[in-house]
């Protein structure tokens, strides 16, 4: 029974890469890269209530 070493090396490399990316994200290097802030404003004229629909 032969085992493919190429698959093992690829899995090990991907695991190291993913772990490093998570570590860098947790330490704050990518602080704003994976977060999105939604800034919205609602004016009174834009609000539709159930009484307005009927």
C-alpha atoms as a PDB file:
ATOM      1  CA  UNK A   1       0.000   0.000   0.000  1.00  0.00           C
ATOM      2  CA  UNK A   2       1.584   3.265  -1.127  1.00  0.00           C
ATOM      3  CA  UNK A   3       0.646   6.603   0.309  1.00  0.00           C
ATOM      4  CA  UNK A   4       0.733   9.773  -1.744  1.00  0.00           C
ATOM      5  CA  UNK A   5       3.154  12.245  -0.185  1.00  0.00           C
ATOM      6  CA  UNK A   6       1.996  15.072  -2.459  1.00  0.00           C
ATOM      7  CA  UNK A   7      -1.410  15.124  -0.802  1.00  0.00           C
ATOM      8  CA  UNK A   8       0.128  15.135   2.675  1.00  0.00           C
ATOM      9  CA  UNK A   9       2.442  18.027   1.788  1.00  0.00           C
ATOM     10  CA  UNK A  10      -0.425  20.005   0.235  1.00  0.00           C
ATOM     11  CA  UNK A  11      -2.638  19.509   3.290  1.00  0.00           C
ATOM     12  CA  UNK A  12       0.192  20.465   5.633  1.00  0.00           C
ATOM     13  CA  UNK A  13       0.987  23.584   3.591  1.00  0.00           C
ATOM     14  CA  UNK A  14      -2.647  24.676   3.477  1.00  0.00           C
ATOM     15  CA  UNK A  15      -3.043  24.103   7.222  1.00  0.00           C
ATOM     16  CA  UNK A  16       0.029  26.211   7.996  1.00  0.00           C
ATOM     17  CA  UNK A  17      -1.152  28.958   5.631  1.00  0.00           C
ATOM     18  CA  UNK A  18      -4.690  29.027   7.103  1.00  0.00           C
ATOM     19  CA  UNK A  19      -3.367  28.982  10.665  1.00  0.00           C
ATOM     20  CA  UNK A  20      -0.999  31.847   9.919  1.00  0.00           C
ATOM     21  CA  UNK A  21      -3.789  33.887   8.337  1.00  0.00           C
ATOM     22  CA  UNK A  22      -6.022  33.316  11.371  1.00  0.00           C
ATOM     23  CA  UNK A  23      -3.203  34.262  13.721  1.00  0.00           C
ATOM     24  CA  UNK A  24      -2.497  37.474  11.791  1.00  0.00           C
ATOM     25  CA  UNK A  25      -6.202  38.352  11.721  1.00  0.00           C
ATOM     26  CA  UNK A  26      -6.527  37.794  15.476  1.00  0.00           C
ATOM     27  CA  UNK A  27      -3.473  39.934  16.254  1.00  0.00           C
ATOM     28  CA  UNK A  28      -4.999  42.826  14.330  1.00  0.00           C
ATOM     29  CA  UNK A  29      -2.911  42.955  11.163  1.00  0.00           C
ATOM     30  CA  UNK A  30      -6.035  42.511   9.044  1.00  0.00           C
ATOM     31  CA  UNK A  31      -8.227  44.470  11.475  1.00  0.00           C
ATOM     32  CA  UNK A  32     -10.356  46.201   8.863  1.00  0.00           C
ATOM     33  CA  UNK A  33     -10.071  43.718   6.025  1.00  0.00           C
ATOM     34  CA  UNK A  34     -12.811  41.310   7.089  1.00  0.00           C
ATOM     35  CA  UNK A  35     -15.238  43.713   8.743  1.00  0.00           C
ATOM     36  CA  UNK A  36     -17.875  45.857   7.115  1.00  0.00           C
ATOM     37  CA  UNK A  37     -19.774  48.618   8.811  1.00  0.00           C
ATOM     38  CA  UNK A  38     -23.144  49.545   7.427  1.00  0.00           C
ATOM     39  CA  UNK A  39     -23.911  53.195   7.906  1.00  0.00           C
ATOM     40  CA  UNK A  40     -27.532  54.101   7.243  1.00  0.00           C
ATOM     41  CA  UNK A  41     -29.869  56.926   8.061  1.00  0.00           C
ATOM     42  CA  UNK A  42     -33.660  56.807   7.958  1.00  0.00           C
ATOM     43  CA  UNK A  43     -35.611  60.031   7.586  1.00  0.00           C
ATOM     44  CA  UNK A  44     -39.189  60.320   8.858  1.00  0.00           C
ATOM     45  CA  UNK A  45     -40.421  60.857   5.303  1.00  0.00           C
ATOM     46  CA  UNK A  46     -38.987  57.514   4.206  1.00  0.00           C
ATOM     47  CA  UNK A  47     -40.821  55.467   6.837  1.00  0.00           C
ATOM     48  CA  UNK A  48     -44.019  53.734   5.704  1.00  0.00           C
ATOM     49  CA  UNK A  49     -46.395  52.470   8.359  1.00  0.00           C
ATOM     50  CA  UNK A  50     -49.361  50.095   8.050  1.00  0.00           C
ATOM     51  CA  UNK A  51     -51.791  53.032   8.302  1.00  0.00           C
ATOM     52  CA  UNK A  52     -50.162  54.676   5.253  1.00  0.00           C
ATOM     53  CA  UNK A  53     -50.565  51.565   3.095  1.00  0.00           C
ATOM     54  CA  UNK A  54     -54.349  51.230   3.490  1.00  0.00           C
END
